[in-house]
N, C-alpha and C. Protein backbone atom coordinates (compact mmCIF):
# COMPACT_ATOMS: atom_id res chain seq x y z
N GLN A 1 -6.71 -25.74 11.65
CA GLN A 1 -8.05 -24.62 11.45
C GLN A 1 -8.08 -23.27 11.32
N VAL A 2 -8.47 -22.73 10.71
CA VAL A 2 -8.17 -21.63 9.87
C VAL A 2 -8.89 -20.57 11.55
N SER A 3 -9.85 -20.77 11.83
CA SER A 3 -10.66 -20.26 12.73
C SER A 3 -9.91 -20.46 14.04
N GLN A 4 -9.33 -21.20 14.54
CA GLN A 4 -8.55 -21.77 15.46
C GLN A 4 -7.15 -20.56 15.60
N GLY A 5 -6.63 -20.35 14.57
CA GLY A 5 -5.22 -19.79 13.98
C GLY A 5 -5.89 -18.15 14.24
N MET A 6 -6.85 -17.73 13.86
CA MET A 6 -7.18 -16.45 13.93
C MET A 6 -7.59 -16.08 15.54
N GLN A 7 -8.19 -17.35 16.16
CA GLN A 7 -8.44 -16.99 17.74
C GLN A 7 -7.20 -16.79 18.34
N MET A 8 -6.63 -17.20 17.77
CA MET A 8 -4.89 -17.50 18.29
C MET A 8 -4.28 -16.10 18.53
N VAL A 9 -4.72 -15.25 17.08
CA VAL A 9 -4.08 -13.83 16.95
C VAL A 9 -4.97 -13.12 17.94
N MET A 10 -6.13 -12.80 18.51
CA MET A 10 -6.55 -12.30 19.56
C MET A 10 -6.20 -13.16 20.78
N HIS A 11 -6.21 -14.15 21.24
CA HIS A 11 -6.06 -14.51 22.37
C HIS A 11 -4.94 -15.18 23.12
N ASP A 12 -3.99 -15.84 21.85
CA ASP A 12 -2.63 -16.54 22.40
C ASP A 12 -1.74 -15.82 23.21
N PRO A 13 -1.23 -15.67 24.17
CA PRO A 13 -0.11 -14.73 24.85
C PRO A 13 0.80 -14.41 23.85
N ARG A 14 1.12 -14.95 22.36
CA ARG A 14 2.21 -14.64 21.80
C ARG A 14 0.83 -13.84 20.16
N GLY A 15 -0.13 -13.97 20.64
CA GLY A 15 -0.96 -13.30 19.40
C GLY A 15 -0.73 -11.99 18.93
N ILE A 16 -0.36 -11.46 17.88
CA ILE A 16 -0.28 -9.96 17.62
C ILE A 16 -1.33 -9.08 17.87
N ALA A 17 -2.73 -9.47 17.90
CA ALA A 17 -3.71 -8.67 18.79
C ALA A 17 -3.97 -8.74 20.33
N ARG A 18 -3.43 -9.63 20.69
CA ARG A 18 -3.88 -9.88 22.05
C ARG A 18 -4.49 -8.81 22.79
N ALA A 19 -3.71 -7.17 22.94
CA ALA A 19 -4.13 -6.35 23.35
C ALA A 19 -5.21 -6.03 23.43
N SER A 20 -5.89 -6.36 21.93
CA SER A 20 -7.21 -5.62 21.82
C SER A 20 -8.57 -6.57 22.03
N ALA A 21 -8.12 -7.91 22.53
CA ALA A 21 -8.84 -8.69 22.41
C ALA A 21 -9.47 -9.10 24.39
N ALA A 22 -8.20 -8.14 24.82
CA ALA A 22 -7.78 -8.08 26.40
C ALA A 22 -9.39 -8.04 27.44
N GLY A 23 -9.82 -8.57 28.13
CA GLY A 23 -11.06 -8.36 28.94
C GLY A 23 -12.26 -8.59 28.06
N ALA A 24 -12.28 -9.39 27.03
CA ALA A 24 -13.30 -9.42 26.21
C ALA A 24 -14.34 -10.83 26.72
N GLN A 25 -15.49 -10.33 26.77
CA GLN A 25 -16.67 -11.11 27.12
C GLN A 25 -16.93 -12.51 26.38
N TYR A 26 -16.41 -12.39 25.41
CA TYR A 26 -16.57 -13.19 24.11
C TYR A 26 -15.14 -13.34 23.39
N ARG A 27 -15.22 -15.00 22.69
CA ARG A 27 -14.46 -15.15 22.08
C ARG A 27 -13.88 -14.52 20.40
N ILE A 28 -12.87 -14.24 20.10
CA ILE A 28 -12.75 -13.04 19.08
C ILE A 28 -12.07 -14.05 18.36
N ALA A 29 -12.03 -14.00 16.80
CA ALA A 29 -11.39 -14.49 16.07
C ALA A 29 -10.98 -13.45 14.77
N GLY A 30 -9.67 -12.96 14.28
CA GLY A 30 -9.18 -11.79 13.89
C GLY A 30 -7.85 -12.59 12.95
N LYS A 31 -7.68 -11.52 11.75
CA LYS A 31 -6.55 -11.27 11.41
C LYS A 31 -5.63 -10.20 11.13
N SER A 32 -4.38 -9.75 11.27
CA SER A 32 -4.30 -8.30 10.94
C SER A 32 -3.54 -8.23 9.72
N GLY A 33 -3.11 -7.42 9.06
CA GLY A 33 -2.23 -7.21 7.75
C GLY A 33 -1.80 -5.76 7.92
N THR A 34 -0.87 -5.34 6.95
CA THR A 34 -0.55 -4.43 6.59
C THR A 34 -0.52 -4.15 4.93
N ALA A 35 -0.46 -3.13 3.93
CA ALA A 35 -0.54 -2.93 2.91
C ALA A 35 0.17 -1.86 2.71
N GLN A 36 1.27 -2.35 2.01
CA GLN A 36 2.24 -1.37 1.32
C GLN A 36 1.84 0.14 0.30
N VAL A 37 2.11 0.93 0.70
CA VAL A 37 1.91 2.33 -0.08
C VAL A 37 2.67 2.72 -1.21
N VAL A 38 3.96 2.82 -0.77
CA VAL A 38 4.95 3.21 -1.91
C VAL A 38 6.10 1.85 -2.01
N ALA A 39 6.56 1.68 -2.86
CA ALA A 39 7.46 0.66 -2.92
C ALA A 39 9.03 0.91 -2.62
N ILE A 40 9.53 -0.04 -1.67
CA ILE A 40 11.03 -0.23 -0.97
C ILE A 40 11.87 -0.27 -2.24
N LYS A 41 13.05 0.38 -2.67
CA LYS A 41 13.88 -0.40 -3.57
C LYS A 41 14.67 -1.73 -2.81
N GLN A 42 15.01 -2.38 -3.76
CA GLN A 42 15.45 -3.80 -3.41
C GLN A 42 16.97 -3.64 -2.45
N GLY A 43 16.97 -4.28 -1.45
CA GLY A 43 18.08 -3.75 -0.37
C GLY A 43 17.79 -2.75 0.94
N GLU A 44 16.86 -2.28 0.45
CA GLU A 44 16.18 -1.11 1.83
C GLU A 44 15.59 -1.80 2.78
N ARG A 45 15.30 -1.24 3.60
CA ARG A 45 14.51 -1.42 4.81
C ARG A 45 13.10 -0.58 4.88
N TYR A 46 11.76 -0.73 5.52
CA TYR A 46 11.20 0.40 5.51
C TYR A 46 11.41 0.96 6.94
N ASN A 47 11.78 2.38 6.89
CA ASN A 47 12.26 3.01 7.94
C ASN A 47 11.28 4.40 8.13
N ARG A 48 10.58 4.08 9.44
CA ARG A 48 8.82 4.65 9.61
C ARG A 48 9.62 6.52 9.56
N ASP A 49 10.78 7.15 10.25
CA ASP A 49 11.30 8.01 10.43
C ASP A 49 11.86 8.96 9.07
N LYS A 50 11.80 8.16 7.93
CA LYS A 50 12.41 8.85 6.59
C LYS A 50 11.28 8.45 5.72
N THR A 51 9.97 8.39 6.11
CA THR A 51 8.59 8.16 4.90
C THR A 51 7.78 9.10 5.58
N LEU A 52 7.55 9.56 4.74
CA LEU A 52 6.14 10.62 4.53
C LEU A 52 5.33 10.16 5.06
N GLU A 53 4.03 10.72 5.82
CA GLU A 53 3.16 10.06 6.54
C GLU A 53 2.17 9.80 5.17
N ARG A 54 2.10 10.26 4.47
CA ARG A 54 0.87 10.09 3.20
C ARG A 54 1.51 8.54 2.82
N HIS A 55 3.08 8.34 2.85
CA HIS A 55 3.44 7.08 2.16
C HIS A 55 3.74 6.09 2.93
N ARG A 56 3.12 6.16 4.24
CA ARG A 56 3.37 4.90 5.12
C ARG A 56 2.10 3.93 4.89
N ASP A 57 2.86 2.83 5.50
CA ASP A 57 1.83 1.61 5.21
C ASP A 57 0.28 1.77 5.68
N ASN A 58 -0.62 1.18 5.12
CA ASN A 58 -1.90 0.86 5.61
C ASN A 58 -2.29 -0.21 6.61
N ALA A 59 -2.72 -0.18 7.54
CA ALA A 59 -3.01 -0.88 8.87
C ALA A 59 -4.53 -1.74 8.19
N LEU A 60 -4.45 -3.10 8.16
CA LEU A 60 -5.67 -3.77 8.03
C LEU A 60 -6.10 -4.61 8.89
N PHE A 61 -7.29 -4.66 9.31
CA PHE A 61 -7.94 -5.97 10.50
C PHE A 61 -8.79 -6.35 10.15
N VAL A 62 -9.27 -7.95 9.94
CA VAL A 62 -11.00 -8.35 9.81
C VAL A 62 -10.94 -8.80 10.87
N GLY A 63 -11.73 -9.32 11.92
CA GLY A 63 -12.58 -10.51 12.79
C GLY A 63 -13.89 -10.66 12.80
N PHE A 64 -14.32 -11.68 13.56
CA PHE A 64 -15.27 -11.87 13.36
C PHE A 64 -15.86 -12.71 15.06
N ALA A 65 -17.27 -12.36 15.39
CA ALA A 65 -17.21 -12.73 17.18
C ALA A 65 -18.80 -12.90 17.15
N PRO A 66 -19.28 -14.00 18.14
CA PRO A 66 -18.34 -14.70 18.98
C PRO A 66 -17.64 -15.68 17.58
N ALA A 67 -16.72 -16.05 18.20
CA ALA A 67 -16.17 -17.05 17.20
C ALA A 67 -16.64 -17.85 17.05
N GLU A 68 -17.33 -18.78 18.21
CA GLU A 68 -17.80 -20.05 18.18
C GLU A 68 -18.84 -20.08 17.19
N HIS A 69 -19.77 -18.90 17.25
CA HIS A 69 -21.06 -18.60 16.51
C HIS A 69 -21.14 -17.03 15.99
N PRO A 70 -20.54 -17.18 14.86
CA PRO A 70 -20.25 -15.46 14.14
C PRO A 70 -21.95 -14.88 14.32
N ALA A 71 -21.93 -13.57 15.01
CA ALA A 71 -22.91 -12.92 15.00
C ALA A 71 -22.50 -11.39 14.04
N VAL A 72 -21.30 -11.20 14.22
CA VAL A 72 -20.54 -9.72 13.70
C VAL A 72 -19.42 -9.87 12.79
N VAL A 73 -19.14 -9.49 11.25
CA VAL A 73 -17.80 -9.14 11.15
C VAL A 73 -17.39 -7.99 11.00
N VAL A 74 -16.02 -7.66 11.39
CA VAL A 74 -15.73 -5.92 11.69
C VAL A 74 -14.58 -6.19 10.47
N ALA A 75 -14.61 -5.27 9.43
CA ALA A 75 -13.08 -5.04 8.73
C ALA A 75 -12.82 -3.50 8.44
N VAL A 76 -11.57 -3.29 9.06
CA VAL A 76 -10.93 -2.02 8.93
C VAL A 76 -9.67 -1.62 8.52
N MET A 77 -9.58 -0.49 7.42
CA MET A 77 -8.38 -0.23 7.09
C MET A 77 -7.93 0.98 7.32
N ILE A 78 -7.05 1.52 7.89
CA ILE A 78 -6.83 3.21 8.25
C ILE A 78 -5.79 3.34 7.60
N GLU A 79 -5.56 4.42 6.70
CA GLU A 79 -4.84 4.55 6.00
C GLU A 79 -3.76 5.56 6.91
N ASN A 80 -2.48 4.78 6.03
CA ASN A 80 -1.09 5.09 6.67
C ASN A 80 -0.99 5.04 8.03
N GLY A 81 -2.02 3.89 8.56
CA GLY A 81 -1.83 3.33 10.16
C GLY A 81 -0.74 2.47 10.41
N GLU A 82 -0.14 1.92 9.66
CA GLU A 82 1.25 1.40 9.62
C GLU A 82 1.09 -0.20 10.36
N ALA A 83 0.56 -0.52 11.22
CA ALA A 83 0.17 -1.76 11.91
C ALA A 83 -0.97 -2.12 12.48
N GLY A 84 -1.47 -2.92 11.63
CA GLY A 84 -2.76 -3.70 11.59
C GLY A 84 -3.16 -4.48 12.93
N GLY A 85 -2.40 -5.06 13.63
CA GLY A 85 -3.06 -5.52 15.09
C GLY A 85 -2.64 -4.40 16.08
N ARG A 86 -2.05 -3.74 15.77
CA ARG A 86 -2.17 -2.43 16.83
C ARG A 86 -2.57 -1.32 16.73
N VAL A 87 -2.94 -0.88 15.36
CA VAL A 87 -4.07 0.16 15.02
C VAL A 87 -5.02 0.17 14.82
N ALA A 88 -5.56 -0.96 13.88
CA ALA A 88 -6.78 -1.30 13.33
C ALA A 88 -7.93 -2.22 14.20
N GLY A 89 -6.90 -3.12 14.74
CA GLY A 89 -7.21 -4.12 15.85
C GLY A 89 -8.67 -3.61 16.92
N PRO A 90 -7.76 -2.39 17.66
CA PRO A 90 -8.80 -1.73 18.58
C PRO A 90 -10.16 -1.15 17.97
N VAL A 91 -9.88 -0.87 16.93
CA VAL A 91 -11.19 0.02 16.11
C VAL A 91 -12.50 -1.50 16.26
N VAL A 92 -11.45 -2.44 15.58
CA VAL A 92 -12.35 -3.84 15.21
C VAL A 92 -13.26 -4.04 16.70
N ARG A 93 -12.75 -4.37 17.84
CA ARG A 93 -12.66 -4.39 19.32
C ARG A 93 -13.93 -3.31 19.28
N GLU A 94 -13.89 -1.92 19.39
CA GLU A 94 -14.66 -1.17 19.52
C GLU A 94 -16.10 -1.39 18.72
N VAL A 95 -16.19 -1.95 17.54
CA VAL A 95 -17.04 -1.97 16.68
C VAL A 95 -17.84 -3.31 17.45
N MET A 96 -17.09 -4.34 17.55
CA MET A 96 -17.54 -5.83 18.28
C MET A 96 -18.26 -5.26 19.47
N ASP A 97 -17.78 -4.66 20.38
CA ASP A 97 -18.35 -4.41 21.53
C ASP A 97 -19.61 -3.57 21.86
N ALA A 98 -19.55 -2.55 20.51
CA ALA A 98 -20.96 -1.86 20.51
C ALA A 98 -22.21 -2.96 20.01
N TYR A 99 -21.72 -3.69 18.97
CA TYR A 99 -22.95 -4.63 18.72
C TYR A 99 -22.98 -5.57 19.63
N LEU A 100 -22.23 -6.26 20.18
CA LEU A 100 -22.47 -7.54 21.21
C LEU A 100 -22.95 -7.22 22.80
N LEU A 101 -22.53 -6.08 23.13
CA LEU A 101 -22.36 -5.80 24.65
C LEU A 101 -23.54 -4.79 24.77
N ASP A 102 -24.26 -4.94 25.71
CA ASP A 102 -25.81 -3.85 25.96
C ASP A 102 -24.89 -2.71 26.94
N ASP A 103 -25.63 -1.62 27.15
CA ASP A 103 -25.87 -0.53 27.81
C ASP A 103 -24.71 -0.63 29.01
N GLN A 104 -24.78 -1.71 29.96
CA GLN A 104 -24.14 -2.20 30.80
C GLN A 104 -22.99 -2.80 30.84
N GLY A 105 -22.51 -2.66 29.36
CA GLY A 105 -21.21 -3.73 29.09
C GLY A 105 -21.25 -4.83 29.56
N HIS A 106 -22.34 -5.91 29.36
CA HIS A 106 -22.74 -6.86 29.57
C HIS A 106 -22.93 -7.78 28.03
N LEU A 107 -22.61 -8.75 27.86
CA LEU A 107 -22.98 -9.29 26.71
C LEU A 107 -24.05 -9.81 26.81
N LYS A 108 -24.98 -9.25 25.62
CA LYS A 108 -26.28 -9.44 25.33
C LYS A 108 -26.82 -10.98 25.30
N ALA A 109 -27.99 -10.86 26.00
CA ALA A 109 -28.63 -12.82 25.90
C ALA A 109 -28.57 -13.14 24.96
N GLN A 110 -28.41 -12.84 23.69
CA GLN A 110 -28.78 -13.64 22.58
C GLN A 110 -27.33 -14.10 22.36
N TYR A 111 -26.25 -13.70 23.08
CA TYR A 111 -24.77 -14.25 22.48
C TYR A 111 -24.01 -14.63 23.48
N ALA A 112 -24.96 -14.72 24.58
CA ALA A 112 -24.13 -15.46 26.24
C ALA A 112 -23.97 -16.82 26.19
N GLY A 113 -24.66 -17.64 24.98
CA GLY A 113 -24.42 -19.36 24.71
C GLY A 113 -22.58 -19.14 24.49
N ALA A 114 -21.79 -18.32 24.07
CA ALA A 114 -20.86 -18.53 23.75
C ALA A 114 -19.65 -18.56 24.67
N ALA A 115 -18.43 -18.78 24.87
CA ALA A 115 -17.59 -19.11 26.25
C ALA A 115 -16.80 -17.69 26.21
N PRO A 116 -16.58 -17.38 27.49
CA PRO A 116 -15.42 -16.12 27.40
C PRO A 116 -14.51 -16.82 27.17
N ALA A 117 -13.71 -15.43 26.71
CA ALA A 117 -12.40 -15.44 26.15
C ALA A 117 -11.73 -16.02 27.45
N LYS A 118 -10.48 -16.84 26.81
CA LYS A 118 -9.55 -17.73 27.44
C LYS A 118 -7.93 -18.08 26.74
N ALA A 119 -7.23 -17.90 27.10
CA ALA A 119 -5.92 -18.33 26.05
C ALA A 119 -6.21 -19.79 25.37
N VAL A 120 -5.63 -19.79 23.96
CA VAL A 120 -5.64 -20.85 23.38
C VAL A 120 -4.48 -21.56 23.27
N PRO A 121 -4.45 -23.13 24.04
CA PRO A 121 -3.33 -23.67 24.19
C PRO A 121 -2.68 -23.83 22.85
N HIS A 122 -1.14 -23.60 22.84
CA HIS A 122 -0.59 -23.60 21.58
C HIS A 122 0.14 -24.87 21.70
N THR A 123 -0.23 -25.68 20.23
CA THR A 123 0.09 -26.75 19.96
C THR A 123 1.11 -26.82 19.09
């Protein structure tokens, strides 16, 4: 199931954006991505140190939460950010926390029916 796979991106120990979901009081479903800015010649590899900052890949991330009963969807693109899960993922989490948590950092009552975040078993 797509939703389960997106939750694994966030909550599985091998998930690319697991650091962004650490300590979440709700389950997040997310997908990272990278958009190439300039073409790389055939046979060459992307080398960050040899690439001008304005030519570095764009970082993408989209997510929704609580995963079981979504109330918020967030999409982030960071120009020249290079890594969606590592760079754009934390921004998505900050926006979700701002929407879903109260001033004391607790899950708002209307979202409390969703289960707290836990690792998804890998099958």
